[in-house]
Amino acid sequence: MSKQKLKTRKAAAKRFQVTGSGKIVRRQSMRNHLLQKKTSKRKRRLAQMVSVSEQDMANVRLMLVR
């Protein structure tokens, strides 16, 4: 009897990207609404992709298994 294949969690696949070097990056929060009170500098900073923290890396890798 063979083991079943692990499936990718599609919700996670839409939210995280794996870079060429193997890092996992994500979008930042706080950039969806109520933007008129946030400064342009803050909105530009929030538009950047940021890497997933080391504490979350193992869980995210399990969700992105192929």
PDB file of N, CA and C in Angstrom:
ATOM      1  N   MET A   1       0.843  -1.183   0.000  1.00  0.00           N
ATOM      2  CA  MET A   1       0.000   0.000   0.000  1.00  0.00           C
ATOM      3  C   MET A   1       0.886   1.244   0.000  1.00  0.00           C
ATOM      4  N   SER A   2       0.643   2.150  -0.931  1.00  0.00           N
ATOM      5  CA  SER A   2       1.496   3.331  -1.056  1.00  0.00           C
ATOM      6  C   SER A   2       0.926   4.507  -0.278  1.00  0.00           C
ATOM      7  N   LYS A   3       1.819   5.431   0.091  1.00  0.00           N
ATOM      8  CA  LYS A   3       1.392   6.631   0.797  1.00  0.00           C
ATOM      9  C   LYS A   3       0.684   7.569  -0.167  1.00  0.00           C
ATOM     10  N   GLN A   4      -0.243   8.341   0.362  1.00  0.00           N
ATOM     11  CA  GLN A   4      -0.908   9.315  -0.478  1.00  0.00           C
ATOM     12  C   GLN A   4       0.000  10.502  -0.707  1.00  0.00           C
ATOM     13  N   LYS A   5      -0.196  11.169  -1.834  1.00  0.00           N
ATOM     14  CA  LYS A   5       0.557  12.379  -2.121  1.00  0.00           C
ATOM     15  C   LYS A   5       0.003  13.521  -1.276  1.00  0.00           C
ATOM     16  N   LEU A   6       0.886  14.434  -0.872  1.00  0.00           N
ATOM     17  CA  LEU A   6       0.445  15.635  -0.169  1.00  0.00           C
ATOM     18  C   LEU A   6      -0.004  16.657  -1.194  1.00  0.00           C
ATOM     19  N   LYS A   7      -1.114  17.303  -0.923  1.00  0.00           N
ATOM     20  CA  LYS A   7      -1.635  18.296  -1.845  1.00  0.00           C
ATOM     21  C   LYS A   7      -1.253  19.695  -1.373  1.00  0.00           C
ATOM     22  N   THR A   8      -1.047  20.586  -2.337  1.00  0.00           N
ATOM     23  CA  THR A   8      -0.788  21.986  -2.035  1.00  0.00           C
ATOM     24  C   THR A   8      -2.073  22.637  -1.558  1.00  0.00           C
ATOM     25  N   ARG A   9      -1.983  23.437  -0.504  1.00  0.00           N
ATOM     26  CA  ARG A   9      -3.142  24.227  -0.074  1.00  0.00           C
ATOM     27  C   ARG A   9      -3.250  25.428  -0.991  1.00  0.00           C
ATOM     28  N   LYS A  10      -4.308  25.473  -1.765  1.00  0.00           N
ATOM     29  CA  LYS A  10      -4.440  26.485  -2.797  1.00  0.00           C
ATOM     30  C   LYS A  10      -4.547  27.890  -2.215  1.00  0.00           C
ATOM     31  N   ALA A  11      -5.147  28.032  -1.044  1.00  0.00           N
ATOM     32  CA  ALA A  11      -5.229  29.354  -0.407  1.00  0.00           C
ATOM     33  C   ALA A  11      -3.834  29.871  -0.085  1.00  0.00           C
ATOM     34  N   ALA A  12      -2.962  28.988   0.368  1.00  0.00           N
ATOM     35  CA  ALA A  12      -1.582  29.386   0.679  1.00  0.00           C
ATOM     36  C   ALA A  12      -0.807  29.657  -0.606  1.00  0.00           C
ATOM     37  N   ALA A  13      -1.053  28.874  -1.642  1.00  0.00           N
ATOM     38  CA  ALA A  13      -0.330  29.055  -2.896  1.00  0.00           C
ATOM     39  C   ALA A  13      -0.616  30.418  -3.514  1.00  0.00           C
ATOM     40  N   LYS A  14      -1.801  30.967  -3.264  1.00  0.00           N
ATOM     41  CA  LYS A  14      -2.155  32.280  -3.790  1.00  0.00           C
ATOM     42  C   LYS A  14      -1.537  33.410  -2.972  1.00  0.00           C
ATOM     43  N   ARG A  15      -1.127  33.122  -1.749  1.00  0.00           N
ATOM     44  CA  ARG A  15      -0.633  34.170  -0.855  1.00  0.00           C
ATOM     45  C   ARG A  15       0.882  34.206  -0.704  1.00  0.00           C
ATOM     46  N   PHE A  16       1.552  33.114  -0.985  1.00  0.00           N
ATOM     47  CA  PHE A  16       3.000  33.029  -0.788  1.00  0.00           C
ATOM     48  C   PHE A  16       3.686  32.678  -2.092  1.00  0.00           C
ATOM     49  N   GLN A  17       4.933  33.171  -2.243  1.00  0.00           N
ATOM     50  CA  GLN A  17       5.759  32.845  -3.404  1.00  0.00           C
ATOM     51  C   GLN A  17       7.096  32.331  -2.906  1.00  0.00           C
ATOM     52  N   VAL A  18       7.654  31.374  -3.609  1.00  0.00           N
ATOM     53  CA  VAL A  18       8.989  30.885  -3.291  1.00  0.00           C
ATOM     54  C   VAL A  18       9.956  31.529  -4.275  1.00  0.00           C
ATOM     55  N   THR A  19      10.991  32.195  -3.760  1.00  0.00           N
ATOM     56  CA  THR A  19      11.964  32.860  -4.612  1.00  0.00           C
ATOM     57  C   THR A  19      12.943  31.835  -5.171  1.00  0.00           C
ATOM     58  N   GLY A  20      13.811  32.285  -6.052  1.00  0.00           N
ATOM     59  CA  GLY A  20      14.797  31.396  -6.646  1.00  0.00           C
ATOM     60  C   GLY A  20      15.777  30.837  -5.635  1.00  0.00           C
ATOM     61  N   SER A  21      16.055  31.621  -4.593  1.00  0.00           N
ATOM     62  CA  SER A  21      16.996  31.162  -3.564  1.00  0.00           C
ATOM     63  C   SER A  21      16.322  30.313  -2.492  1.00  0.00           C
ATOM     64  N   GLY A  22      14.998  30.136  -2.592  1.00  0.00           N
ATOM     65  CA  GLY A  22      14.298  29.276  -1.646  1.00  0.00           C
ATOM     66  C   GLY A  22      13.576  29.996  -0.525  1.00  0.00           C
ATOM     67  N   LYS A  23      13.690  31.333  -0.477  1.00  0.00           N
ATOM     68  CA  LYS A  23      12.957  32.081   0.547  1.00  0.00           C
ATOM     69  C   LYS A  23      11.476  32.120   0.188  1.00  0.00           C
ATOM     70  N   ILE A  24      10.641  32.326   1.188  1.00  0.00           N
ATOM     71  CA  ILE A  24       9.203  32.470   0.961  1.00  0.00           C
ATOM     72  C   ILE A  24       8.829  33.911   1.265  1.00  0.00           C
ATOM     73  N   VAL A  25       8.173  34.562   0.315  1.00  0.00           N
ATOM     74  CA  VAL A  25       7.786  35.952   0.491  1.00  0.00           C
ATOM     75  C   VAL A  25       6.273  36.078   0.477  1.00  0.00           C
ATOM     76  N   ARG A  26       5.798  37.164   1.089  1.00  0.00           N
ATOM     77  CA  ARG A  26       4.362  37.409   1.202  1.00  0.00           C
ATOM     78  C   ARG A  26       4.095  38.898   1.090  1.00  0.00           C
ATOM     79  N   ARG A  27       2.838  39.249   0.880  1.00  0.00           N
ATOM     80  CA  ARG A  27       2.412  40.644   0.900  1.00  0.00           C
ATOM     81  C   ARG A  27       2.259  41.095   2.336  1.00  0.00           C
ATOM     82  N   GLN A  28       2.336  42.405   2.550  1.00  0.00           N
ATOM     83  CA  GLN A  28       2.110  42.941   3.882  1.00  0.00           C
ATOM     84  C   GLN A  28       0.642  43.305   4.058  1.00  0.00           C
ATOM     85  N   SER A  29       0.208  43.338   5.288  1.00  0.00           N
ATOM     86  CA  SER A  29      -1.167  43.707   5.598  1.00  0.00           C
ATOM     87  C   SER A  29      -1.291  45.231   5.690  1.00  0.00           C
ATOM     88  N   MET A  30      -2.468  45.702   5.970  1.00  0.00           N
ATOM     89  CA  MET A  30      -2.772  47.119   6.191  1.00  0.00           C
ATOM     90  C   MET A  30      -2.746  47.959   4.915  1.00  0.00           C
ATOM     91  N   ARG A  31      -2.978  47.354   3.760  1.00  0.00           N
ATOM     92  CA  ARG A  31      -2.949  48.147   2.535  1.00  0.00           C
ATOM     93  C   ARG A  31      -4.195  47.913   1.684  1.00  0.00           C
ATOM     94  N   ASN A  32      -5.307  47.599   2.314  1.00  0.00           N
ATOM     95  CA  ASN A  32      -6.526  47.333   1.562  1.00  0.00           C
ATOM     96  C   ASN A  32      -7.532  48.467   1.606  1.00  0.00           C
ATOM     97  N   HIS A  33      -7.715  49.057   2.753  1.00  0.00           N
ATOM     98  CA  HIS A  33      -8.697  50.131   2.846  1.00  0.00           C
ATOM     99  C   HIS A  33      -8.240  51.122   3.902  1.00  0.00           C
ATOM    100  N   LEU A  34      -8.978  52.216   4.035  1.00  0.00           N
ATOM    101  CA  LEU A  34      -8.621  53.335   4.925  1.00  0.00           C
ATOM    102  C   LEU A  34      -7.245  53.887   4.560  1.00  0.00           C
ATOM    103  N   LEU A  35      -6.994  54.036   3.271  1.00  0.00           N
ATOM    104  CA  LEU A  35      -5.668  54.450   2.813  1.00  0.00           C
ATOM    105  C   LEU A  35      -5.480  55.960   2.844  1.00  0.00           C
ATOM    106  N   GLN A  36      -6.566  56.740   2.926  1.00  0.00           N
ATOM    107  CA  GLN A  36      -6.403  58.187   2.868  1.00  0.00           C
ATOM    108  C   GLN A  36      -5.711  58.742   4.104  1.00  0.00           C
ATOM    109  N   LYS A  37      -5.790  58.040   5.224  1.00  0.00           N
ATOM    110  CA  LYS A  37      -5.130  58.531   6.440  1.00  0.00           C
ATOM    111  C   LYS A  37      -3.687  58.064   6.555  1.00  0.00           C
ATOM    112  N   LYS A  38      -3.240  57.176   5.668  1.00  0.00           N
ATOM    113  CA  LYS A  38      -1.867  56.688   5.704  1.00  0.00           C
ATOM    114  C   LYS A  38      -1.009  57.525   4.763  1.00  0.00           C
ATOM    115  N   THR A  39       0.212  57.789   5.168  1.00  0.00           N
ATOM    116  CA  THR A  39       1.093  58.614   4.353  1.00  0.00           C
ATOM    117  C   THR A  39       1.542  57.847   3.115  1.00  0.00           C
ATOM    118  N   SER A  40       1.973  58.595   2.107  1.00  0.00           N
ATOM    119  CA  SER A  40       2.448  57.980   0.875  1.00  0.00           C
ATOM    120  C   SER A  40       3.663  57.109   1.143  1.00  0.00           C
ATOM    121  N   LYS A  41       4.535  57.574   2.036  1.00  0.00           N
ATOM    122  CA  LYS A  41       5.734  56.812   2.383  1.00  0.00           C
ATOM    123  C   LYS A  41       5.349  55.467   2.991  1.00  0.00           C
ATOM    124  N   ARG A  42       4.360  55.493   3.869  1.00  0.00           N
ATOM    125  CA  ARG A  42       3.915  54.254   4.525  1.00  0.00           C
ATOM    126  C   ARG A  42       3.280  53.300   3.519  1.00  0.00           C
ATOM    127  N   LYS A  43       2.489  53.846   2.597  1.00  0.00           N
ATOM    128  CA  LYS A  43       1.840  52.997   1.600  1.00  0.00           C
ATOM    129  C   LYS A  43       2.861  52.382   0.644  1.00  0.00           C
ATOM    130  N   ARG A  44       3.901  53.130   0.298  1.00  0.00           N
ATOM    131  CA  ARG A  44       4.966  52.580  -0.548  1.00  0.00           C
ATOM    132  C   ARG A  44       5.689  51.451   0.170  1.00  0.00           C
ATOM    133  N   ARG A  45       5.961  51.649   1.453  1.00  0.00           N
ATOM    134  CA  ARG A  45       6.647  50.621   2.238  1.00  0.00           C
ATOM    135  C   ARG A  45       5.784  49.372   2.359  1.00  0.00           C
ATOM    136  N   LEU A  46       4.473  49.548   2.537  1.00  0.00           N
ATOM    137  CA  LEU A  46       3.575  48.407   2.670  1.00  0.00           C
ATOM    138  C   LEU A  46       3.373  47.665   1.349  1.00  0.00           C
ATOM    139  N   ALA A  47       3.715  48.302   0.230  1.00  0.00           N
ATOM    140  CA  ALA A  47       3.564  47.650  -1.070  1.00  0.00           C
ATOM    141  C   ALA A  47       4.666  46.642  -1.321  1.00  0.00           C
ATOM    142  N   GLN A  48       5.756  46.694  -0.564  1.00  0.00           N
ATOM    143  CA  GLN A  48       6.887  45.788  -0.755  1.00  0.00           C
ATOM    144  C   GLN A  48       6.531  44.380  -0.286  1.00  0.00           C
ATOM    145  N   MET A  49       7.143  43.408  -0.938  1.00  0.00           N
ATOM    146  CA  MET A  49       7.029  42.034  -0.466  1.00  0.00           C
ATOM    147  C   MET A  49       7.993  41.854   0.703  1.00  0.00           C
ATOM    148  N   VAL A  50       7.635  41.005   1.646  1.00  0.00           N
ATOM    149  CA  VAL A  50       8.470  40.778   2.819  1.00  0.00           C
ATOM    150  C   VAL A  50       8.592  39.274   3.015  1.00  0.00           C
ATOM    151  N   SER A  51       9.724  38.842   3.571  1.00  0.00           N
ATOM    152  CA  SER A  51       9.916  37.402   3.733  1.00  0.00           C
ATOM    153  C   SER A  51       9.170  36.898   4.964  1.00  0.00           C
ATOM    154  N   VAL A  52       8.780  35.649   4.917  1.00  0.00           N
ATOM    155  CA  VAL A  52       8.058  35.009   6.011  1.00  0.00           C
ATOM    156  C   VAL A  52       9.019  34.806   7.177  1.00  0.00           C
ATOM    157  N   SER A  53       8.542  34.996   8.393  1.00  0.00           N
ATOM    158  CA  SER A  53       9.408  34.861   9.564  1.00  0.00           C
ATOM    159  C   SER A  53       9.841  33.412   9.751  1.00  0.00           C
ATOM    160  N   GLU A  54      10.959  33.246  10.419  1.00  0.00           N
ATOM    161  CA  GLU A  54      11.519  31.912  10.639  1.00  0.00           C
ATOM    162  C   GLU A  54      10.571  31.018  11.433  1.00  0.00           C
ATOM    163  N   GLN A  55       9.803  31.609  12.346  1.00  0.00           N
ATOM    164  CA  GLN A  55       8.886  30.822  13.167  1.00  0.00           C
ATOM    165  C   GLN A  55       7.757  30.225  12.331  1.00  0.00           C
ATOM    166  N   ASP A  56       7.367  30.908  11.259  1.00  0.00           N
ATOM    167  CA  ASP A  56       6.264  30.440  10.427  1.00  0.00           C
ATOM    168  C   ASP A  56       6.720  29.612   9.233  1.00  0.00           C
ATOM    169  N   MET A  57       8.015  29.588   8.979  1.00  0.00           N
ATOM    170  CA  MET A  57       8.534  28.990   7.755  1.00  0.00           C
ATOM    171  C   MET A  57       8.159  27.510   7.616  1.00  0.00           C
ATOM    172  N   ALA A  58       8.257  26.736   8.678  1.00  0.00           N
ATOM    173  CA  ALA A  58       7.969  25.301   8.586  1.00  0.00           C
ATOM    174  C   ALA A  58       6.510  25.056   8.223  1.00  0.00           C
ATOM    175  N   ASN A  59       5.602  25.804   8.843  1.00  0.00           N
ATOM    176  CA  ASN A  59       4.180  25.618   8.542  1.00  0.00           C
ATOM    177  C   ASN A  59       3.859  26.017   7.113  1.00  0.00           C
ATOM    178  N   VAL A  60       4.444  27.102   6.640  1.00  0.00           N
ATOM    179  CA  VAL A  60       4.164  27.554   5.281  1.00  0.00           C
ATOM    180  C   VAL A  60       4.727  26.555   4.272  1.00  0.00           C
ATOM    181  N   ARG A  61       5.906  26.011   4.535  1.00  0.00           N
ATOM    182  CA  ARG A  61       6.486  25.013   3.626  1.00  0.00           C
ATOM    183  C   ARG A  61       5.606  23.780   3.529  1.00  0.00           C
ATOM    184  N   LEU A  62       5.002  23.371   4.653  1.00  0.00           N
ATOM    185  CA  LEU A  62       4.085  22.229   4.603  1.00  0.00           C
ATOM    186  C   LEU A  62       2.860  22.526   3.755  1.00  0.00           C
ATOM    187  N   MET A  63       2.367  23.756   3.837  1.00  0.00           N
ATOM    188  CA  MET A  63       1.183  24.122   3.038  1.00  0.00           C
ATOM    189  C   MET A  63       1.514  24.201   1.556  1.00  0.00           C
ATOM    190  N   LEU A  64       2.779  24.503   1.222  1.00  0.00           N
ATOM    191  CA  LEU A  64       3.164  24.688  -0.186  1.00  0.00           C
ATOM    192  C   LEU A  64       3.803  23.440  -0.782  1.00  0.00           C
ATOM    193  N   VAL A  65       3.669  22.310  -0.116  1.00  0.00           N
ATOM    194  CA  VAL A  65       4.287  21.074  -0.622  1.00  0.00           C
ATOM    195  C   VAL A  65       3.701  20.731  -1.988  1.00  0.00           C
ATOM    196  N   ARG A  66       4.567  20.188  -2.877  1.00  0.00           N
ATOM    197  CA  ARG A  66       4.075  19.897  -4.233  1.00  0.00           C
ATOM    198  C   ARG A  66       4.137  18.439  -4.532  1.00  0.00           C
TER     199      ARG A  66
END
